[in-house]
Protein backbone atom coordinates (compact mmCIF):
# COMPACT_ATOMS: atom_id res chain seq x y z
CA MET A 1 -11.87 25.69 -22.81
CA LYS A 2 -11.18 22.08 -22.24
CA LYS A 3 -8.25 20.48 -23.51
CA LYS A 4 -8.36 18.48 -26.69
CA ASP A 5 -9.85 14.61 -26.00
CA SER A 6 -10.33 15.58 -22.08
CA ILE A 7 -13.52 14.22 -20.21
CA MET A 8 -15.13 15.06 -16.86
CA ASN A 9 -14.85 12.55 -14.80
CA TYR A 10 -18.00 11.88 -11.84
CA SER A 11 -16.31 13.86 -9.55
CA GLY A 12 -15.42 17.08 -11.42
CA HIS A 13 -11.90 16.22 -12.08
CA GLU A 14 -10.51 17.02 -15.86
CA ARG A 15 -9.30 13.57 -17.77
CA LEU A 16 -7.19 13.67 -20.43
CA ASN A 17 -6.92 9.75 -21.10
CA LYS A 18 -10.45 8.35 -21.33
CA SER A 19 -9.54 5.13 -22.93
CA ARG A 20 -8.25 3.51 -19.91
CA PRO A 21 -9.47 3.30 -16.08
CA ARG A 22 -9.13 5.62 -13.54
CA PRO A 23 -6.33 5.49 -11.56
CA VAL A 24 -6.61 5.87 -7.43
CA LEU A 25 -3.91 5.41 -4.71
CA MET A 26 -4.58 5.14 -1.30
CA ILE A 27 -2.50 6.27 1.06
CA PRO A 28 -0.35 6.83 3.76
CA LEU A 29 0.22 3.95 5.54
CA ARG A 30 -0.16 0.26 6.14
CA ARG A 31 -2.78 -1.00 9.47
CA CYS A 32 -5.42 2.00 9.08
CA GLY A 33 -8.37 -0.20 7.95
CA SER A 34 -7.14 0.08 4.14
CA HIS A 35 -8.26 -3.61 3.30
CA ALA A 36 -11.74 -3.03 5.04
CA VAL A 37 -11.90 -0.28 2.73
CA ARG A 38 -10.63 -1.78 -0.47
CA LEU A 39 -12.84 -5.03 -0.20
CA ARG A 40 -16.46 -2.83 0.01
CA LEU A 41 -15.33 -1.00 -3.47
CA ASN A 42 -14.39 -4.28 -4.99
CA ALA A 43 -17.79 -5.27 -4.65
CA SER A 44 -18.46 -3.11 -7.42
CA ALA A 45 -17.55 -4.49 -11.30
CA ALA A 46 -16.44 -1.10 -11.97
CA PHE A 47 -13.99 -0.76 -9.32
CA TYR A 48 -10.86 -3.16 -9.54
CA SER A 49 -8.13 -3.35 -6.94
CA PRO A 50 -6.01 -6.36 -6.02
CA TYR A 51 -3.69 -7.10 -3.02
CA PRO A 52 -1.17 -4.66 -3.61
CA LEU A 53 2.34 -5.16 -4.82
CA HIS A 54 3.86 -2.87 -2.08
CA ILE A 55 6.38 -1.98 -4.77
CA VAL A 56 8.18 -0.02 -2.05
CA ASP A 57 10.24 -3.25 -0.84
CA PHE A 58 11.56 -3.42 -4.05
CA LEU A 59 12.90 -0.04 -4.89
CA PRO A 60 16.13 -0.36 -2.76
CA LEU A 61 17.18 -2.66 -6.06
CA VAL A 62 16.00 -0.19 -9.15
CA PRO A 63 19.79 1.87 -9.16
CA LEU A 64 21.13 -1.63 -9.72
CA TYR A 65 19.49 -2.54 -12.73
CA GLY A 66 21.26 0.34 -14.62
CA ASP A 67 20.16 2.94 -17.00
CA MET A 68 16.27 2.59 -18.02
CA ALA A 69 16.60 4.15 -21.52
CA ASP A 70 18.43 1.61 -22.38
CA ASP A 71 15.63 -1.11 -23.54
CA ARG A 72 16.89 -3.84 -22.40
CA THR A 73 17.62 -2.77 -18.83
CA TYR A 74 13.97 -1.84 -18.80
CA PHE A 75 12.93 -5.24 -20.36
CA LYS A 76 14.72 -6.82 -17.51
CA LEU A 77 12.82 -4.54 -15.12
CA ILE A 78 9.55 -5.58 -16.27
CA LEU A 79 10.18 -9.14 -16.09
CA ASP A 80 11.33 -8.93 -12.62
CA VAL A 81 8.28 -6.90 -11.33
CA ILE A 82 6.03 -9.45 -13.00
CA GLY A 83 8.05 -11.85 -10.95
CA LEU A 84 7.04 -9.83 -7.48
CA GLN A 85 3.30 -10.09 -8.97
CA ALA A 86 3.88 -13.40 -9.00
CA ALA A 87 5.64 -14.01 -5.57
CA SER A 88 2.55 -11.97 -4.03
CA LEU A 89 0.89 -13.05 -0.72
CA VAL A 90 -2.37 -13.16 -2.69
CA LYS A 91 -2.25 -13.81 -6.24
CA TRP A 92 -3.83 -11.68 -8.80
CA PRO A 93 -7.05 -13.59 -10.24
CA ASP A 94 -7.55 -14.61 -13.88
CA ILE A 95 -4.61 -12.69 -15.31
CA VAL A 96 -0.97 -13.53 -16.47
CA PHE A 97 1.25 -10.81 -17.94
CA ASP A 98 3.32 -11.59 -21.28
CA PRO A 99 6.71 -9.39 -20.67
CA ASP A 100 6.59 -8.22 -24.43
CA ASP A 101 3.01 -6.69 -24.15
CA VAL A 102 3.48 -5.01 -21.15
CA PHE A 103 7.06 -3.62 -22.73
CA ASP A 104 5.41 -2.28 -25.95
CA ARG A 105 2.50 -0.65 -24.08
CA ILE A 106 4.97 1.78 -21.83
CA LYS A 107 8.43 1.45 -23.92
CA ASP A 108 7.98 5.26 -25.20
CA GLU A 109 6.70 6.65 -21.86
CA LYS A 110 8.59 8.32 -19.64
CA ARG A 111 10.20 5.19 -17.92
CA SER A 112 10.07 4.34 -14.08
CA VAL A 113 8.94 1.41 -11.67
CA HIS A 114 6.28 3.12 -10.84
CA ARG A 115 5.00 2.96 -14.46
CA ILE A 116 5.48 -0.59 -14.60
CA VAL A 117 3.50 -1.78 -11.70
CA TRP A 118 0.64 0.52 -12.54
CA GLU A 119 0.68 -0.90 -16.16
CA LEU A 120 -0.02 -4.24 -14.72
CA LEU A 121 -2.69 -2.81 -12.50
CA ILE A 122 -4.23 -1.20 -15.49
CA LEU A 123 -3.92 -4.00 -17.96
CA ALA A 124 -5.65 -6.23 -15.04
CA GLY A 125 -8.49 -3.76 -14.59
CA GLU A 126 -9.04 -3.68 -17.96
CA LYS A 127 -9.22 -7.22 -18.33
CA HIS A 128 -11.92 -7.03 -15.60
CA GLY A 129 -13.97 -4.19 -17.28
CA ALA A 130 -13.09 -1.45 -14.45
CA ARG A 131 -13.24 2.17 -14.82
CA VAL A 132 -11.43 2.75 -11.60
CA VAL A 133 -8.16 1.26 -10.59
CA MET A 134 -6.64 1.37 -7.17
CA ASP A 135 -3.35 0.75 -5.80
CA LYS A 136 -3.07 0.11 -2.19
CA SER A 137 0.42 0.34 -1.53
CA LEU A 138 0.15 3.17 0.69
CA ASP A 139 3.62 3.71 1.36
CA SER A 140 4.09 5.09 -2.29
CA VAL A 141 2.64 8.28 -1.08
CA HIS A 142 6.23 9.00 -0.59
CA PHE A 143 6.38 8.99 -4.38
CA ALA A 144 3.39 11.11 -5.19
CA SER A 145 5.14 13.45 -7.40
CA GLU A 146 6.49 10.97 -9.68
CA LEU A 147 3.50 9.29 -9.72
CA MET A 148 1.33 12.54 -10.59
CA ASP A 149 4.06 12.85 -13.46
CA LEU A 150 3.50 9.98 -14.67
CA PHE A 151 -0.50 10.10 -14.35
CA ASP A 152 -2.49 13.43 -14.83
CA ASP A 153 -5.55 12.11 -13.42
CA LEU A 154 -4.52 10.46 -10.47
CA LEU A 155 -6.25 10.57 -7.45
CA PHE A 156 -5.36 9.74 -3.85
CA ILE A 157 -7.78 8.72 -1.08
CA ASN A 158 -5.93 9.55 2.20
CA LEU A 159 -7.27 7.21 5.02
CA VAL A 160 -6.03 8.53 8.41
CA ARG A 161 -6.82 6.48 11.23
CA ASP A 162 -5.93 7.85 15.32
CA PRO A 163 -2.08 7.27 15.75
CA ARG A 164 -2.55 5.64 18.90
CA ALA A 165 -4.89 2.92 17.49
CA GLN A 166 -2.41 2.73 14.40
CA VAL A 167 0.54 2.32 16.14
CA ALA A 168 -1.04 -0.29 18.70
CA SER A 169 -1.91 -2.17 15.27
CA MET A 170 1.46 -1.39 13.98
CA ASN A 171 3.12 -3.35 16.73
CA ARG A 172 2.30 -6.54 16.39
CA ALA A 173 2.74 -6.43 12.39
CA ILE A 174 5.66 -8.25 10.81
CA ILE A 175 5.69 -5.22 8.36
CA HIS A 176 6.31 -2.83 10.67
CA ASP A 177 8.64 -2.41 13.66
CA PHE A 178 8.17 -3.70 16.93
CA ASP A 179 8.29 -0.36 19.04
CA THR A 180 5.83 2.16 19.90
CA THR A 181 8.44 5.01 19.34
CA LEU A 182 9.48 4.07 16.17
CA ASN A 183 6.29 2.77 14.58
CA ALA A 184 4.81 6.76 16.05
CA MET A 185 7.96 8.33 14.10
CA THR A 186 6.78 6.08 10.51
CA TRP A 187 2.94 7.23 11.28
CA ALA A 188 4.38 11.22 11.52
CA ARG A 189 5.91 10.39 8.39
CA ALA A 190 3.84 9.04 6.25
CA HIS A 191 1.35 12.14 7.42
CA GLU A 192 3.96 14.58 6.49
CA ALA A 193 4.29 13.55 2.98
CA SER A 194 0.21 13.06 2.60
CA GLN A 195 -0.09 16.75 4.39
CA ALA A 196 2.17 18.30 1.88
CA LEU A 197 0.42 16.33 -0.98
CA VAL A 198 -2.75 17.67 0.34
CA GLU A 199 -1.26 21.37 0.48
CA ARG A 200 -0.23 21.02 -3.35
CA HIS A 201 -3.00 19.60 -4.55
CA PRO A 202 -6.03 19.74 -2.78
CA ASP A 203 -8.66 19.03 -5.25
CA ARG A 204 -6.73 15.61 -5.89
CA VAL A 205 -6.86 14.23 -2.67
CA LEU A 206 -9.92 13.06 -0.24
CA THR A 207 -8.95 12.71 3.33
CA ILE A 208 -11.39 10.77 5.33
CA ARG A 209 -10.82 8.83 8.76
CA TYR A 210 -11.53 5.52 9.46
CA GLU A 211 -13.31 6.47 12.77
CA GLU A 212 -15.79 7.61 10.32
CA PHE A 213 -16.17 4.03 8.73
CA LEU A 214 -16.40 2.40 12.08
CA GLU A 215 -19.41 5.27 13.08
CA ASN A 216 -21.35 4.81 9.56
CA GLN A 217 -19.62 2.65 6.89
CA ARG A 218 -22.75 3.79 4.20
CA ASP A 219 -21.50 7.61 4.31
CA PHE A 220 -17.91 6.67 4.57
CA VAL A 221 -18.21 4.55 1.27
CA GLU A 222 -20.31 7.29 -0.62
CA ARG A 223 -17.99 9.44 -0.10
CA ILE A 224 -15.20 7.45 -1.56
CA CYS A 225 -17.54 6.86 -4.37
CA ALA A 226 -18.31 10.30 -5.09
CA PHE A 227 -14.78 11.25 -5.18
CA ILE A 228 -13.50 8.75 -7.64
CA GLY A 229 -16.92 8.45 -9.65
CA LEU A 230 -18.02 5.14 -8.77
CA ASP A 231 -21.76 3.86 -8.00
CA VAL A 232 -22.82 2.89 -5.11
CA ILE A 233 -24.17 -0.40 -4.90
CA PRO A 234 -25.88 -2.62 -2.00
CA GLU A 235 -23.26 -5.34 -2.01
CA MET A 236 -20.67 -2.88 -0.83
CA PHE A 237 -22.33 -2.99 2.66
CA ASP A 238 -22.33 -7.15 2.93
CA VAL A 239 -18.74 -7.80 3.51
CA GLU A 240 -19.87 -11.23 4.93
CA THR A 241 -20.70 -12.45 1.75
CA SER A 242 -17.95 -11.25 -0.19
CA SER A 243 -15.94 -14.63 -1.16
CA GLU A 244 -12.64 -12.18 -1.54
CA ALA A 245 -13.17 -11.15 2.16
CA GLN A 246 -13.43 -14.86 3.37
CA ILE A 247 -10.20 -16.06 1.57
CA LEU A 248 -8.33 -13.02 2.88
CA SER A 249 -9.03 -13.66 6.27
CA LYS A 250 -7.80 -16.95 6.59
CA ARG A 251 -4.39 -15.72 4.51
CA SER A 252 -2.76 -14.20 7.64
CA ASP A 253 -3.35 -13.07 11.07
CA LEU A 254 -3.25 -9.49 9.85
CA TRP A 255 -6.51 -9.89 8.07
CA THR A 256 -8.78 -12.06 10.55
CA PHE A 257 -11.55 -9.44 10.95
CA ASN A 258 -11.77 -8.33 7.26
CA ARG A 259 -14.65 -10.94 6.74
CA PHE A 260 -16.67 -8.75 9.53
CA ALA A 261 -18.73 -5.87 9.61
CA PRO A 262 -17.24 -2.82 11.27
CA ILE A 263 -17.06 -2.77 15.36
CA ALA A 264 -17.07 0.71 16.51
CA ALA A 265 -15.75 0.03 19.82
CA ASN A 266 -12.47 -1.23 18.35
CA LYS A 267 -11.36 2.11 17.70
CA ASP A 268 -10.36 2.38 22.00
CA LYS A 269 -8.78 -1.02 21.85
CA PHE A 270 -5.35 1.02 22.29
CA LEU A 271 -6.10 1.78 25.44
CA ALA A 272 -5.81 -1.81 26.66
CA GLN A 273 -2.80 -2.18 24.58
CA LEU A 274 -0.52 0.62 25.01
CA SER A 275 0.57 2.37 28.74
CA LEU A 276 0.47 5.49 29.40
CA ASP A 277 4.18 6.57 28.42
CA GLU A 278 3.85 5.03 24.78
CA ILE A 279 0.57 7.46 24.30
CA ARG A 280 2.19 10.24 25.70
CA MET A 281 4.94 9.09 23.26
CA ILE A 282 2.73 9.12 20.39
CA GLU A 283 0.92 11.95 21.11
CA THR A 284 4.18 13.95 21.31
CA LEU A 285 5.44 12.43 17.73
CA THR A 286 1.82 12.81 16.10
CA ARG A 287 0.63 16.03 18.01
CA ASP A 288 0.15 18.42 15.36
CA HIS A 289 -1.07 15.92 12.97
CA MET A 290 -3.86 14.41 15.57
CA ALA A 291 -4.92 18.23 16.16
CA ARG A 292 -5.74 18.35 12.34
CA TYR A 293 -7.19 15.23 12.12
CA GLY A 294 -9.77 16.34 14.95
CA TYR A 295 -8.31 13.74 17.27
CA ASP A 296 -8.45 14.51 21.51
CA ARG A 297 -5.19 14.01 23.30
CA MET A 298 -5.34 12.30 26.32
CA THR A 299 -1.85 13.34 27.55
CA ASP A 300 0.11 16.68 27.82
CA ALA A 301 2.30 15.29 24.77
CA ASN A 302 5.41 16.68 26.06
CA ALA A 303 7.46 13.30 26.11
CA LEU A 304 11.32 13.39 26.04
CA LEU A 305 12.02 12.45 22.36
CA PRO A 306 14.86 9.87 22.38
CA ASP A 307 18.17 10.78 21.24
CA GLU A 308 20.20 8.58 18.15
CA ALA A 309 21.59 6.46 21.16
CA THR A 310 18.15 5.33 22.31
CA LEU A 311 17.15 4.84 18.46
CA ALA A 312 19.68 2.65 18.10
CA GLU A 313 18.86 0.46 21.01
CA LEU A 314 14.90 0.57 20.33
CA ARG A 315 16.03 -0.90 16.39
CA ALA A 316 17.96 -3.42 17.95
CA LYS A 317 15.05 -4.33 20.44
CA SER A 318 12.53 -4.20 17.36
CA ALA A 319 14.72 -6.26 15.21
CA THR A 320 14.79 -9.38 18.49
CA GLY A 321 11.01 -8.78 18.43
CA ARG A 322 10.33 -9.29 14.53
CA GLU A 323 12.43 -12.40 14.81
CA GLN A 324 10.48 -13.92 17.59
CA ALA A 325 7.45 -12.78 15.28
CA TRP A 326 8.59 -14.59 12.33
CA ARG A 327 9.62 -18.07 14.51
CA THR A 328 5.49 -17.68 16.05
CA MET A 329 4.14 -17.47 12.54
CA SER A 330 6.16 -20.43 11.20
CA THR A 331 4.52 -22.45 14.10
CA VAL A 332 1.24 -20.97 14.10
CA ASN A 333 0.50 -19.94 10.46
CA PHE A 334 2.81 -21.94 8.40
CA ARG A 335 1.46 -20.65 5.21
CA ASP A 336 1.40 -16.95 5.93
CA TYR A 337 5.26 -17.84 6.80
CA GLU A 338 6.18 -19.16 3.90
CA THR A 339 4.34 -17.38 1.56
CA ARG A 340 6.02 -14.19 2.97
CA LYS A 341 9.23 -15.67 3.10
CA HIS A 342 9.04 -16.84 -0.48
CA ARG A 343 8.57 -13.18 -1.42
CA GLU A 344 11.46 -11.70 0.78
CA ASN A 345 13.77 -14.43 -0.75
CA TYR A 346 12.61 -13.34 -4.31
CA ILE A 347 13.83 -9.88 -3.49
CA ALA A 348 16.76 -10.97 -1.92
CA SER A 349 17.86 -13.22 -5.07
CA LEU A 350 17.39 -10.36 -7.52
CA HIS A 351 19.39 -8.20 -5.43
CA HIS A 352 22.18 -11.25 -5.38
CA ASN A 353 21.90 -11.42 -9.14
CA LEU A 354 22.02 -7.81 -10.22
CA LYS A 355 25.19 -7.52 -8.37
CA LEU A 356 27.04 -10.71 -9.86
CA PRO A 357 28.82 -9.78 -13.45
CA SER A 358 27.24 -10.82 -16.11
CA MET A 359 29.30 -13.77 -17.77
CA ALA A 360 28.84 -14.88 -13.81
CA LEU A 361 25.17 -15.00 -14.18
CA PHE A 362 25.72 -16.61 -17.63
CA ASN A 363 27.47 -19.30 -16.07
CA ASP A 364 25.39 -20.42 -13.22
CA GLY A 365 22.32 -20.43 -15.70
CA ARG A 366 24.15 -22.96 -17.62
CA ARG A 367 24.81 -25.22 -14.76
CA ALA A 368 21.36 -24.94 -13.91
CA GLY A 369 20.40 -26.23 -17.15
CA HIS A 370 18.95 -22.97 -19.06
CA GLY A 371 21.96 -22.36 -21.04
């Protein structure tokens, strides 16, 4: 017998709350082709997934706020998360959030920074008439248990990409490390988290390989739509007419190819980007996951794993590479640079202010003309 007020969604999952859009989280790691997938699903008016907040960057600040049971503390956190959305690289269209409204809507529910993020997404989705909303903050896989406590009907799209191809892409992305070993370790940790989720809740997770998208995007999209309860429409397969895809591709060098149809040959691009030793290290660190997902190895996957001293050297090298990447970005694409720095500076300013005594903040406000 079904629970009172429950409803079955299109993929057969029982829902307890039928009044709001169905929440979906894409996992587990950026640079897996997630933007390409999101853009295609966004062709449906019933689906809403804006550029993600990537709340993982904000999480180190949360303990500084104090006890969320205190209304004032929670309201301050809501204000600052709304500010994070305003500082995002890509603004959410046609939505302005009222912190009073957000507070009133969720103040009596379990309090969490994740609940705030999802309320913003749900509010925006409701305004756009969506039945399904998706957060593409893939790193949130590490907080899946907390999210499932918040939403009893949350579904997960576990988007898997060949670790060699994904690490090769991560190596050139400002959001990751500039080192193959470090990025392969990050890949392995993310997939350990997603695999644990699959084992605990197999009916709540759709695992699907990005290479299937490259080979046959129609079958790929149809599988996702069937899982989350979305109708397939022709516009999903014509990304070149998507205004969002065209705009996004100009915002950052990381998103240049999102306006094009998938290119199957790209799945082997890593062969020209990685050395054989790098491939061996990736295959060593991700060996079990590769076997589970059906990726054939090229090496014996028996590389010598780095000790702590070597890891420290790799992190230092990566930091140098990141500094160089920032300098290059500031010259090659100043808008991307300034937008990313603005978000980074916003988070840094919150960290600074949260560590100040309340009287110091009051005096700073008066000097700034806000007293």
